[in-house]
Amino acid sequence: MIRIYNLKGANTGTETASGLEFVNGYSSFELPESLIGNAGETTITVTAVASETCSTENLSISTSFEVYALPQLEVENLAVASVCLNEDTVFAISGSNLEDGDYNLTYSLSGANTWATQATTINIVNGSADLIIEAQRIDQVGTTTLTVESLQNNVTTCQSTSAVATPFEIYPIPAIDQVNISAMDICFGEAGMLSFNNASALADGNYTVRYSLSGTNSSAANTGTLTINNAKGILEIQTDQLSAIGNTTITLTQLVSEHGCTSGTIDISASFEILPRPDAAGININVADICLNTAATVSVSGATNLTDGEYTMTYQLGNSNEKSQTEKIVFESGDARFTIAPALLSNSGDTSIRIVQLEDFISQCGAVNLENTSTNFAVDDPEPPSLMSNGNAFCINDNPTVSDLVSKISPSERITIYGSEKGDDVLDPTSQLVNASTYYASQTSALGCEGSLRLAITVDLTNCDNIFIPEAFSPNGDGVNDRFSIENIDVVYPDYTIEIFNRNGNAVYKGNARSEAWDGTANQHQLGNKILPNGVYFYIINYNNGETAPIQGNLYLNR
């Protein structure tokens, strides 16, 4: 038997059912799930029936039935409130498409807290319902997951077994022990510091700390913020709560985590001391001018309110020398002295010094009233002197000395002449100058500082208007006037030549700056004995400098 039918209403479609068997006029067939996928009222109409031999068409046999919705929850419909340890929580269903009414619900817990499948009945109103989970079922800190395993509508008996889950947190109760806290001594005007260490019962995060102060500073119902990271943290005590010097005790009364979990009332204390700051009122500083590459002595005075003892001082140099340095110094009756190393004063010129910090060496508390703690001093390094125009030119025949050279230097006072650029080979003022030699002049200031740079002067001893030419000589071997010697001609005219002629006009001698002075013997046109007789001879000197004309004259040779 074959039947043709169609569906209308919540579900629509046309289908054929075959293989039907009738017994006593009764038969049934199933509607495929694919045809009734929508909830709501649906009408089925049989439109034709056919057997192996006969068929009936244009039938209109109808009936209606209800397709009930499957009770289904989505993740967004579930929420479990995160709570502090020892508190109940609420499992809430909201925003669902469930029809109002009672439902059988099975759920379980896993994670930090476990609870095997539990069955309960909930009442859905406007898509929402609440279920309390008691604190005794969630007694472990951490993340717990609630999983809905099944949901059955008690009226329709339709049941969903698609699991859906949501996580929630159980937060710890803040706890602290006496051994976990310590307070450090501070200087007046600083914030207090309460340190938390090895506080393993405090999870990472922010806490509100309620505390009271007693001792030299007393106040109640104070609050502060503590941040814990890896079981460590610092609670800052505001400076306006610490207005007096002396011992103060902080007592913790409650800790509240950022999740609102409270420790309850606690009583844990730590003591610390607020130390006085050194009083530098009246302090002043003085530094005498110094020479470059020497240490400066700094005199500090007038700080009569300072207790005798050791202090750490930090000072700042400025202007020509910009440096910062920290020194350990000792005050006695308000006075102290220390030196500034030459390495910190490597530049000449005006230099300032200012005390920027003064701390008690033991308490490390910085001083107050550090006014008038600056001054200036000079690092003296005179400039090299200058040389007058042509101040390096002398005539060798004048036998110039170092003193003559100094007279050509400006200024000529406090001048030192050296034989080298860097050495300490000071030359005597009476030392003779050597042609083409370089001398080095330094200037010493009125402060007594010798300049680090020297003026290099290469002297020229050829600045002579004329030279002396003897008129006679006696080469008789007595060691006196044995040669026709023109003093310093080789210096003044290094390229000169000389020719000497006899009375017959014959050249008997030629020489230059490399030759020895004429000794009365011939080196030209020798005729027999080269020892020349007494008599008058004639000379011609060519200076060969492009400026001075040749000169000629006669001389008398007398043995």
Protein backbone atom coordinates (compact mmCIF):
# COMPACT_ATOMS: atom_id res chain seq x y z
CA MET A 1 0.00 0.00 0.00
CA ILE A 2 1.25 3.50 -0.86
CA ARG A 3 0.15 6.79 0.60
CA ILE A 4 0.92 10.29 -0.60
CA TYR A 5 0.75 13.07 2.00
CA ASN A 6 1.79 16.65 2.62
CA LEU A 7 2.62 18.74 5.70
CA LYS A 8 1.55 22.28 6.48
CA GLY A 9 2.01 24.65 9.39
CA ALA A 10 5.28 24.73 11.35
CA ASN A 11 6.63 22.06 8.99
CA THR A 12 5.88 21.77 5.26
CA GLY A 13 6.58 19.28 2.50
CA THR A 14 5.23 16.41 0.39
CA GLU A 15 6.25 12.81 0.81
CA THR A 16 5.26 9.25 -0.15
CA ALA A 17 4.95 6.45 2.40
CA SER A 18 5.18 2.92 0.91
CA GLY A 19 4.98 -0.61 2.19
CA LEU A 20 2.02 0.02 4.43
CA GLU A 21 0.03 -2.97 5.68
CA PHE A 22 -3.49 -2.69 7.00
CA VAL A 23 -4.84 -5.01 9.69
CA ASN A 24 -8.48 -4.70 10.56
CA GLY A 25 -8.49 -1.37 8.72
CA TYR A 26 -5.62 0.07 10.71
CA SER A 27 -2.07 0.98 9.64
CA SER A 28 0.64 3.50 10.65
CA PHE A 29 3.79 5.03 9.23
CA GLU A 30 6.59 7.29 10.58
CA LEU A 31 7.30 10.83 9.52
CA PRO A 32 11.01 11.33 8.77
CA GLU A 33 12.82 13.56 11.25
CA SER A 34 13.97 15.74 8.40
CA LEU A 35 10.36 16.78 7.69
CA ILE A 36 9.53 17.86 11.25
CA GLY A 37 12.56 19.92 12.21
CA ASN A 38 10.56 22.94 13.42
CA ALA A 39 8.66 23.20 16.69
CA GLY A 40 5.00 24.08 16.48
CA GLU A 41 1.61 22.81 15.23
CA THR A 42 1.77 20.82 11.98
CA THR A 43 -1.08 19.45 9.82
CA ILE A 44 -0.67 16.25 7.81
CA THR A 45 -3.04 15.60 4.87
CA VAL A 46 -3.26 12.25 2.99
CA THR A 47 -3.98 13.09 -0.63
CA ALA A 48 -3.84 9.67 -2.31
CA VAL A 49 -3.87 5.96 -1.50
CA ALA A 50 -2.90 3.20 -3.90
CA SER A 51 -2.75 -0.58 -3.69
CA GLU A 52 -1.21 -2.97 -6.13
CA THR A 53 -4.37 -2.89 -8.26
CA CYS A 54 -6.38 0.20 -7.25
CA SER A 55 -5.80 3.83 -6.27
CA THR A 56 -7.81 6.71 -4.81
CA GLU A 57 -6.77 10.31 -5.42
CA ASN A 58 -7.91 13.81 -4.44
CA LEU A 59 -8.32 12.75 -0.87
CA SER A 60 -8.30 15.25 2.00
CA ILE A 61 -7.79 13.22 5.12
CA SER A 62 -6.12 15.52 7.68
CA THR A 63 -5.05 15.68 11.30
CA SER A 64 -2.90 18.07 13.32
CA PHE A 65 -0.15 17.43 15.86
CA GLU A 66 2.40 19.42 17.91
CA VAL A 67 6.20 19.25 17.49
CA TYR A 68 7.64 20.24 20.86
CA ALA A 69 10.86 22.29 21.06
CA LEU A 70 14.00 20.50 22.31
CA PRO A 71 15.17 22.24 25.50
CA GLN A 72 18.57 23.57 24.43
CA LEU A 73 21.05 25.83 26.27
CA GLU A 74 23.99 27.77 24.73
CA VAL A 75 27.18 28.91 26.45
CA GLU A 76 26.01 32.50 26.48
CA ASN A 77 22.95 31.41 28.50
CA LEU A 78 25.12 30.15 31.41
CA ALA A 79 26.97 32.06 34.12
CA VAL A 80 28.38 31.10 37.49
CA ALA A 81 29.45 33.95 39.78
CA SER A 82 33.10 33.87 40.88
CA VAL A 83 33.21 34.09 44.67
CA CYS A 84 35.58 34.07 47.60
CA LEU A 85 36.37 30.86 49.38
CA ASN A 86 33.68 29.78 51.87
CA GLU A 87 30.92 31.61 49.98
CA ASP A 88 27.90 30.16 48.11
CA THR A 89 27.69 30.92 44.41
CA VAL A 90 24.77 31.16 41.98
CA PHE A 91 24.47 29.25 38.73
CA ALA A 92 22.29 31.48 36.54
CA ILE A 93 20.47 30.67 33.27
CA SER A 94 19.41 33.75 31.35
CA GLY A 95 18.44 34.85 27.85
CA SER A 96 17.42 31.34 26.82
CA ASN A 97 14.57 30.33 24.50
CA LEU A 98 13.19 27.81 27.00
CA GLU A 99 9.47 27.88 27.60
CA ASP A 100 8.32 28.70 31.10
CA GLY A 101 7.97 25.67 33.32
CA ASP A 102 9.81 23.00 35.28
CA TYR A 103 12.84 21.19 33.88
CA ASN A 104 14.95 18.31 35.09
CA LEU A 105 18.62 19.41 34.98
CA THR A 106 21.75 17.29 35.42
CA TYR A 107 25.14 18.98 35.90
CA SER A 108 28.65 18.29 37.24
CA LEU A 109 31.69 20.23 38.51
CA SER A 110 35.31 19.74 37.40
CA GLY A 111 38.62 21.52 37.81
CA ALA A 112 39.65 22.89 41.20
CA ASN A 113 36.40 21.52 42.60
CA THR A 114 34.81 18.25 41.44
CA TRP A 115 31.28 16.94 41.91
CA ALA A 116 29.81 14.00 40.06
CA THR A 117 26.60 14.32 38.09
CA GLN A 118 23.85 15.96 40.12
CA ALA A 119 20.13 16.07 39.27
CA THR A 120 17.81 18.90 40.22
CA THR A 121 14.63 20.61 39.08
CA ILE A 122 14.64 24.21 37.96
CA ASN A 123 11.77 26.54 37.08
CA ILE A 124 12.25 28.63 33.97
CA VAL A 125 10.54 32.03 33.94
CA ASN A 126 11.08 34.31 30.97
CA GLY A 127 14.04 32.20 29.88
CA SER A 128 15.85 32.48 33.23
CA ALA A 129 16.44 30.44 36.38
CA ASP A 130 18.92 30.41 39.31
CA LEU A 131 20.51 27.55 41.20
CA ILE A 132 22.55 27.99 44.39
CA ILE A 133 25.76 25.97 44.74
CA GLU A 134 26.69 25.77 48.40
CA ALA A 135 30.15 26.78 49.64
CA GLN A 136 30.85 23.27 50.95
CA ARG A 137 30.79 22.01 47.34
CA ILE A 138 33.38 24.59 46.19
CA ASP A 139 35.94 24.51 48.98
CA GLN A 140 39.08 24.68 46.80
CA VAL A 141 40.68 27.81 45.33
CA GLY A 142 41.04 27.98 41.56
CA THR A 143 39.10 27.61 38.34
CA THR A 144 36.07 25.32 38.40
CA THR A 145 33.92 24.39 35.40
CA LEU A 146 30.16 23.70 35.65
CA THR A 147 28.90 21.43 32.86
CA VAL A 148 25.17 21.04 32.05
CA GLU A 149 24.89 17.42 30.92
CA SER A 150 21.15 17.16 30.18
CA LEU A 151 17.94 19.20 30.31
CA GLN A 152 14.40 17.73 30.15
CA ASN A 153 11.11 19.57 29.86
CA ASN A 154 8.89 18.00 32.50
CA VAL A 155 5.72 18.66 30.49
CA THR A 156 6.81 17.54 27.05
CA THR A 157 9.45 15.08 28.36
CA CYS A 158 11.69 16.32 25.56
CA GLN A 159 15.31 16.08 26.65
CA SER A 160 18.60 17.60 25.36
CA THR A 161 21.84 15.75 26.09
CA SER A 162 24.19 18.22 24.40
CA ALA A 163 26.69 19.24 27.09
CA VAL A 164 27.45 22.95 27.60
CA ALA A 165 29.89 24.36 30.17
CA THR A 166 31.03 27.61 31.81
CA PRO A 167 34.00 28.30 34.11
CA PHE A 168 34.15 30.35 37.32
CA GLU A 169 36.72 31.22 39.98
CA ILE A 170 37.01 30.54 43.68
CA TYR A 171 39.24 33.29 45.07
CA PRO A 172 41.46 32.80 48.15
CA ILE A 173 40.95 34.62 51.42
CA PRO A 174 43.91 37.01 52.03
CA ALA A 175 46.15 35.82 54.84
CA ILE A 176 49.39 37.18 56.27
CA ASP A 177 51.74 36.21 59.10
CA GLN A 178 53.96 38.34 61.29
CA VAL A 179 57.08 36.89 59.67
CA ASN A 180 55.94 38.12 56.25
CA ILE A 181 56.23 41.85 57.02
CA SER A 182 59.04 44.22 57.94
CA ALA A 183 59.37 48.00 58.04
CA MET A 184 62.55 49.93 57.25
CA ASP A 185 63.76 53.07 58.96
CA ILE A 186 63.26 56.21 56.90
CA CYS A 187 64.38 59.83 56.86
CA PHE A 188 62.00 62.58 57.87
CA GLY A 189 59.89 63.68 54.91
CA GLU A 190 60.02 60.30 53.17
CA ALA A 191 57.15 57.86 52.68
CA GLY A 192 57.19 54.81 54.92
CA MET A 193 57.77 51.37 53.43
CA LEU A 194 56.23 48.16 54.77
CA SER A 195 57.72 45.19 52.93
CA PHE A 196 55.85 41.94 52.31
CA ASN A 197 58.06 38.91 51.66
CA ASN A 198 57.34 35.22 51.20
CA ALA A 199 53.64 36.07 51.48
CA SER A 200 52.60 32.87 49.72
CA ALA A 201 49.02 33.14 51.02
CA LEU A 202 48.55 36.32 48.99
CA ALA A 203 47.83 35.75 45.31
CA ASP A 204 49.27 38.15 42.75
CA GLY A 205 47.15 41.26 42.46
CA ASN A 206 46.11 44.45 44.24
CA TYR A 207 44.93 44.67 47.83
CA THR A 208 43.40 47.35 49.99
CA VAL A 209 45.19 47.39 53.34
CA ARG A 210 43.59 48.88 56.42
CA TYR A 211 46.00 49.86 59.19
CA SER A 212 46.63 52.10 62.17
CA LEU A 213 49.74 53.96 63.38
CA SER A 214 50.94 54.40 66.94
CA GLY A 215 53.99 55.87 68.67
CA THR A 216 55.37 59.27 67.70
CA ASN A 217 52.91 59.21 64.83
CA SER A 218 49.38 58.10 65.68
CA SER A 219 46.37 57.65 63.40
CA ALA A 220 43.57 55.15 62.83
CA ALA A 221 41.45 53.87 59.94
CA ASN A 222 44.16 54.40 57.35
CA THR A 223 44.03 52.66 53.97
CA GLY A 224 46.68 51.96 51.37
CA THR A 225 47.13 49.94 48.21
CA LEU A 226 49.43 46.92 48.09
CA THR A 227 50.48 45.17 44.89
CA ILE A 228 51.68 41.58 45.32
CA ASN A 229 53.88 39.94 42.70
CA ASN A 230 55.48 36.56 43.34
CA ALA A 231 54.66 36.78 47.06
CA LYS A 232 56.39 40.18 47.40
CA GLY A 233 55.13 43.74 47.66
CA ILE A 234 55.51 47.11 49.37
CA LEU A 235 52.86 49.14 51.15
CA GLU A 236 53.64 52.86 51.07
CA ILE A 237 52.77 54.97 54.11
CA GLN A 238 52.03 58.53 53.05
CA THR A 239 54.36 61.29 54.28
CA ASP A 240 51.47 63.34 55.70
CA GLN A 241 50.88 60.51 58.18
CA LEU A 242 54.52 60.64 59.37
CA SER A 243 54.98 64.18 60.64
CA ALA A 244 57.10 63.46 63.72
CA ILE A 245 60.60 62.08 64.28
CA GLY A 246 60.92 58.93 66.36
CA ASN A 247 59.66 55.35 66.58
CA THR A 248 56.35 54.49 64.92
CA THR A 249 54.44 51.18 64.80
CA ILE A 250 52.14 50.18 61.95
CA THR A 251 49.41 47.64 62.75
CA LEU A 252 47.57 45.86 59.95
CA THR A 253 43.87 45.37 60.70
CA GLN A 254 42.44 43.99 57.44
CA LEU A 255 43.37 42.97 53.89
CA VAL A 256 40.85 43.12 51.05
CA SER A 257 41.71 41.61 47.67
CA GLU A 258 40.76 43.18 44.36
CA HIS A 259 38.01 40.54 44.17
CA GLY A 260 36.51 41.77 47.44
CA CYS A 261 37.75 38.85 49.56
CA THR A 262 38.56 40.00 53.10
CA SER A 263 40.94 38.61 55.65
CA GLY A 264 38.68 39.45 58.53
CA THR A 265 40.16 41.37 61.46
CA ILE A 266 43.90 40.86 61.91
CA ASP A 267 46.49 42.30 64.32
CA ILE A 268 50.00 42.21 62.81
CA SER A 269 52.54 44.94 63.57
CA ALA A 270 55.99 46.22 62.55
CA SER A 271 57.98 49.13 63.97
CA PHE A 272 60.33 51.59 62.28
CA GLU A 273 62.12 54.81 63.09
CA ILE A 274 61.79 58.18 61.38
CA LEU A 275 65.30 59.60 61.44
CA PRO A 276 66.12 63.32 61.54
CA ARG A 277 67.76 64.99 58.56
CA PRO A 278 71.06 66.82 59.01
CA ASP A 279 70.60 70.59 59.22
CA ALA A 280 73.09 72.39 56.95
CA ALA A 281 71.87 75.89 57.78
CA GLY A 282 74.64 78.48 57.48
CA ILE A 283 76.83 76.32 55.24
CA ASN A 284 79.10 78.03 52.73
CA ILE A 285 81.82 76.88 50.37
CA ASN A 286 85.11 78.38 49.23
CA VAL A 287 87.73 77.30 46.68
CA ALA A 288 90.96 79.18 45.88
CA ASP A 289 92.06 79.66 42.29
CA ILE A 290 94.40 76.92 41.12
CA CYS A 291 96.79 76.08 38.31
CA LEU A 292 95.80 73.58 35.63
CA ASN A 293 96.80 69.99 36.45
CA THR A 294 96.75 70.61 40.20
CA ALA A 295 94.17 69.63 42.82
CA ALA A 296 91.72 72.15 44.25
CA THR A 297 91.06 72.32 47.98
CA VAL A 298 87.43 72.95 48.91
CA SER A 299 86.72 74.51 52.31
CA VAL A 300 83.22 74.03 53.73
CA SER A 301 82.33 76.06 56.80
CA GLY A 302 79.51 77.53 58.86
CA ALA A 303 77.40 74.36 59.15
CA THR A 304 77.38 74.50 62.94
CA ASN A 305 74.10 72.55 63.23
CA LEU A 306 75.70 69.44 61.77
CA THR A 307 76.73 66.74 64.19
CA ASP A 308 80.45 65.96 64.04
CA GLY A 309 81.11 62.86 61.97
CA GLU A 310 81.24 61.38 58.51
CA TYR A 311 79.03 62.56 55.64
CA THR A 312 78.67 61.78 51.96
CA MET A 313 78.73 64.86 49.76
CA THR A 314 77.81 65.05 46.08
CA TYR A 315 78.89 68.14 44.19
CA GLN A 316 78.44 69.42 40.66
CA LEU A 317 81.12 71.23 38.66
CA GLY A 318 80.09 73.58 35.88
CA ASN A 319 81.23 76.10 33.30
CA SER A 320 84.68 75.11 32.01
CA ASN A 321 84.58 71.74 33.78
CA GLU A 322 81.27 69.87 33.91
CA LYS A 323 81.54 66.90 36.22
CA SER A 324 79.66 65.31 39.11
CA GLN A 325 81.45 63.64 42.01
CA THR A 326 80.65 62.10 45.39
CA GLU A 327 83.11 62.36 48.29
CA LYS A 328 83.22 61.05 51.83
CA ILE A 329 84.05 63.95 54.16
CA VAL A 330 84.30 64.57 57.90
CA PHE A 331 82.65 67.56 59.58
CA GLU A 332 84.01 68.95 62.81
CA SER A 333 82.49 72.01 64.44
CA GLY A 334 80.64 72.75 61.21
CA ASP A 335 83.75 72.73 59.01
CA ALA A 336 85.14 70.23 56.50
CA ARG A 337 87.69 70.09 53.70
CA PHE A 338 88.14 67.90 50.63
CA THR A 339 90.09 68.04 47.39
CA ILE A 340 89.04 67.92 43.77
CA ALA A 341 91.36 65.70 41.73
CA PRO A 342 93.16 67.29 38.74
CA ALA A 343 91.46 64.79 36.43
CA LEU A 344 88.13 66.51 37.18
CA LEU A 345 89.61 69.91 36.33
CA SER A 346 91.07 69.19 32.92
CA ASN A 347 90.01 72.48 31.30
CA SER A 348 91.22 75.98 32.14
CA GLY A 349 88.83 78.81 32.83
CA ASP A 350 86.15 79.81 35.30
CA THR A 351 84.68 76.79 37.08
CA SER A 352 81.65 76.63 39.36
CA ILE A 353 81.05 74.16 42.17
CA ARG A 354 77.71 73.48 43.87
CA ILE A 355 76.86 71.03 46.64
CA VAL A 356 73.80 69.15 45.43
CA GLN A 357 73.46 66.63 48.25
CA LEU A 358 74.82 66.07 51.74
CA GLU A 359 73.96 62.83 53.54
CA ASP A 360 74.72 61.48 56.98
CA PHE A 361 77.06 58.57 56.25
CA ILE A 362 75.32 56.23 58.70
CA SER A 363 71.63 57.10 58.33
CA GLN A 364 71.99 58.18 54.67
CA CYS A 365 69.51 60.96 55.35
CA GLY A 366 69.96 64.00 53.14
CA ALA A 367 70.53 67.42 54.69
CA VAL A 368 68.08 70.29 54.61
CA ASN A 369 68.98 73.99 54.22
CA LEU A 370 71.61 73.53 51.53
CA GLU A 371 71.44 77.17 50.44
CA ASN A 372 74.54 79.18 49.52
CA THR A 373 76.44 76.07 48.54
CA SER A 374 77.98 77.31 45.31
CA THR A 375 80.99 79.35 44.35
CA ASN A 376 83.33 79.94 41.43
CA PHE A 377 87.08 79.57 41.09
CA ALA A 378 89.60 79.84 38.27
CA VAL A 379 91.63 77.02 36.78
CA ASP A 380 94.59 79.03 35.49
CA ASP A 381 96.51 78.05 32.39
CA PRO A 382 98.19 81.11 30.80
CA GLU A 383 98.24 81.37 27.04
CA PRO A 384 101.64 81.02 25.35
CA PRO A 385 103.44 84.38 24.97
CA SER A 386 103.72 86.06 21.57
CA LEU A 387 106.83 87.00 19.60
CA MET A 388 107.47 90.52 18.39
CA SER A 389 107.80 91.08 14.65
CA ASN A 390 111.14 89.59 13.51
CA GLY A 391 111.77 88.77 17.13
CA ASN A 392 113.60 85.62 16.13
CA ALA A 393 116.21 87.52 14.00
CA PHE A 394 119.64 88.28 15.45
CA CYS A 395 123.18 88.82 14.20
CA ILE A 396 125.51 86.07 15.28
CA ASN A 397 128.33 88.52 15.59
CA ASP A 398 126.45 90.19 18.44
CA ASN A 399 126.68 86.93 20.43
CA PRO A 400 122.90 86.90 21.23
CA THR A 401 121.78 85.00 24.35
CA VAL A 402 118.57 83.52 25.75
CA SER A 403 118.07 86.78 27.60
CA ASP A 404 118.12 88.64 24.25
CA LEU A 405 115.44 86.28 22.97
CA VAL A 406 113.25 86.93 26.03
CA SER A 407 113.45 90.66 25.32
CA LYS A 408 111.73 90.01 21.97
CA ILE A 409 108.79 88.19 23.61
CA SER A 410 105.59 89.88 24.79
CA PRO A 411 105.05 90.07 27.64
CA SER A 412 108.66 89.65 28.69
CA GLU A 413 107.92 89.15 32.39
CA ARG A 414 107.72 85.66 33.90
CA ILE A 415 108.99 83.98 30.71
CA THR A 416 110.80 80.65 30.85
CA ILE A 417 112.81 79.33 27.88
CA TYR A 418 113.16 75.58 27.34
CA GLY A 419 115.22 73.54 24.95
CA SER A 420 112.29 71.20 24.19
CA GLU A 421 108.53 71.35 23.78
CA LYS A 422 107.61 69.18 26.77
CA GLY A 423 110.79 68.66 28.76
CA ASP A 424 111.99 70.46 31.86
CA ASP A 425 115.33 71.56 30.37
CA VAL A 426 115.19 75.21 31.38
CA LEU A 427 117.90 77.29 29.65
CA ASP A 428 120.09 79.79 31.49
CA PRO A 429 119.47 83.38 30.38
CA THR A 430 123.19 83.70 29.53
CA SER A 431 123.17 80.70 27.17
CA GLN A 432 124.26 81.59 23.62
CA LEU A 433 121.66 81.19 20.90
CA VAL A 434 122.41 78.69 18.15
CA ASN A 435 121.41 79.54 14.61
CA ALA A 436 118.37 77.65 13.24
CA SER A 437 117.71 76.08 16.66
CA THR A 438 114.19 76.02 18.07
CA TYR A 439 113.51 77.32 21.56
CA TYR A 440 110.26 77.06 23.55
CA ALA A 441 108.85 79.89 25.66
CA SER A 442 106.21 79.54 28.38
CA GLN A 443 104.30 82.20 30.29
CA THR A 444 103.78 82.13 34.07
CA SER A 445 100.78 83.99 35.46
CA ALA A 446 100.68 86.28 38.47
CA LEU A 447 99.15 83.32 40.34
CA GLY A 448 102.34 81.41 39.67
CA CYS A 449 100.83 79.06 37.10
CA GLU A 450 103.01 78.12 34.16
CA GLY A 451 101.16 77.66 30.88
CA SER A 452 100.76 74.13 29.58
CA LEU A 453 101.51 75.26 26.00
CA ARG A 454 104.85 76.71 24.86
CA LEU A 455 105.64 79.07 22.01
CA ALA A 456 108.10 77.55 19.54
CA ILE A 457 110.74 80.02 18.24
CA THR A 458 113.33 79.08 15.62
CA VAL A 459 116.08 81.71 15.75
CA ASP A 460 117.81 83.20 12.72
CA LEU A 461 121.30 84.54 13.48
CA THR A 462 122.00 85.75 9.95
CA ASN A 463 120.41 89.16 10.42
CA CYS A 464 123.73 91.05 10.14
CA ASP A 465 124.22 94.37 8.31
CA ASN A 466 127.95 93.58 7.59
CA ILE A 467 130.74 91.30 8.59
CA PHE A 468 134.26 92.09 9.74
CA ILE A 469 137.01 91.27 7.18
CA PRO A 470 140.56 91.34 8.60
CA GLU A 471 143.22 93.35 6.71
CA ALA A 472 146.17 91.09 7.59
CA PHE A 473 147.11 87.74 9.10
CA SER A 474 150.33 85.96 10.10
CA PRO A 475 150.40 82.24 9.28
CA ASN A 476 153.56 81.50 11.25
CA GLY A 477 152.21 78.63 13.34
CA ASP A 478 152.19 80.49 16.64
CA GLY A 479 148.48 79.83 17.04
CA VAL A 480 147.61 83.49 16.80
CA ASN A 481 146.02 84.88 13.65
CA ASP A 482 147.35 81.99 11.60
CA ARG A 483 144.43 82.07 9.12
CA PHE A 484 142.55 84.66 7.14
CA SER A 485 139.31 84.01 9.11
CA ILE A 486 136.15 86.00 8.48
CA GLU A 487 134.15 85.25 11.61
CA ASN A 488 130.68 83.72 11.08
CA ILE A 489 130.63 84.35 7.34
CA ASP A 490 129.52 80.74 6.85
CA VAL A 491 126.53 81.40 9.08
CA VAL A 492 125.51 84.74 7.62
CA TYR A 493 126.25 83.80 4.01
CA PRO A 494 126.20 80.01 3.80
CA ASP A 495 126.60 80.07 -0.02
CA TYR A 496 129.49 82.51 -0.22
CA THR A 497 132.68 81.95 -2.29
CA ILE A 498 136.07 83.63 -1.94
CA GLU A 499 138.95 84.04 -4.40
CA ILE A 500 142.43 85.35 -3.49
CA PHE A 501 144.88 86.73 -6.06
CA ASN A 502 148.56 87.66 -5.89
CA ARG A 503 149.85 91.00 -7.04
CA ASN A 504 150.26 89.59 -10.54
CA GLY A 505 146.54 88.89 -10.71
CA ASN A 506 146.92 85.13 -10.51
CA ALA A 507 144.36 83.19 -8.39
CA VAL A 508 146.15 81.41 -5.61
CA TYR A 509 143.17 80.30 -3.47
CA LYS A 510 139.49 79.53 -3.83
CA GLY A 511 137.17 78.59 -0.94
CA ASN A 512 133.60 78.56 0.38
CA ALA A 513 131.59 77.82 3.55
CA ARG A 514 132.80 74.22 3.48
CA SER A 515 136.44 75.16 3.24
CA GLU A 516 138.83 75.93 6.03
CA ALA A 517 139.91 79.58 6.34
CA TRP A 518 142.95 80.44 4.16
CA ASP A 519 146.23 79.58 5.85
CA GLY A 520 148.51 81.33 3.33
CA THR A 521 149.08 78.35 1.07
CA ALA A 522 148.01 78.09 -2.54
CA ASN A 523 145.37 75.71 -3.84
CA GLN A 524 145.31 77.26 -7.33
CA HIS A 525 148.05 77.49 -10.05
CA GLN A 526 150.73 76.00 -7.86
CA LEU A 527 154.28 76.70 -9.12
CA GLY A 528 156.67 74.82 -6.92
CA ASN A 529 156.28 75.42 -3.20
CA LYS A 530 152.62 76.15 -2.35
CA ILE A 531 153.63 78.22 0.68
CA LEU A 532 153.10 81.78 -0.48
CA PRO A 533 155.50 84.60 0.33
CA ASN A 534 154.81 87.67 2.39
CA GLY A 535 153.11 90.48 0.60
CA VAL A 536 149.90 92.10 -0.40
CA TYR A 537 147.12 89.91 -1.82
CA PHE A 538 143.71 90.73 -3.20
CA TYR A 539 140.34 89.00 -2.50
CA ILE A 540 136.89 88.90 -4.07
CA ILE A 541 133.93 87.61 -1.98
CA ASN A 542 130.65 86.65 -3.67
CA TYR A 543 127.85 86.35 -1.13
CA ASN A 544 125.48 84.55 -3.54
CA ASN A 545 122.32 85.43 -1.67
CA GLY A 546 120.71 87.43 -4.44
CA GLU A 547 120.79 90.60 -2.35
CA THR A 548 124.30 91.51 -1.25
CA ALA A 549 126.80 92.72 -3.87
CA PRO A 550 130.24 91.09 -4.10
CA ILE A 551 133.03 92.78 -2.17
CA GLN A 552 136.75 93.04 -2.93
CA GLY A 553 139.73 94.25 -0.99
CA ASN A 554 143.38 93.59 -0.12
CA LEU A 555 145.12 92.01 2.79
CA TYR A 556 148.68 91.67 3.93
CA LEU A 557 150.26 88.27 4.53
CA ASN A 558 153.15 88.53 6.99
CA ARG A 559 154.83 85.45 8.29
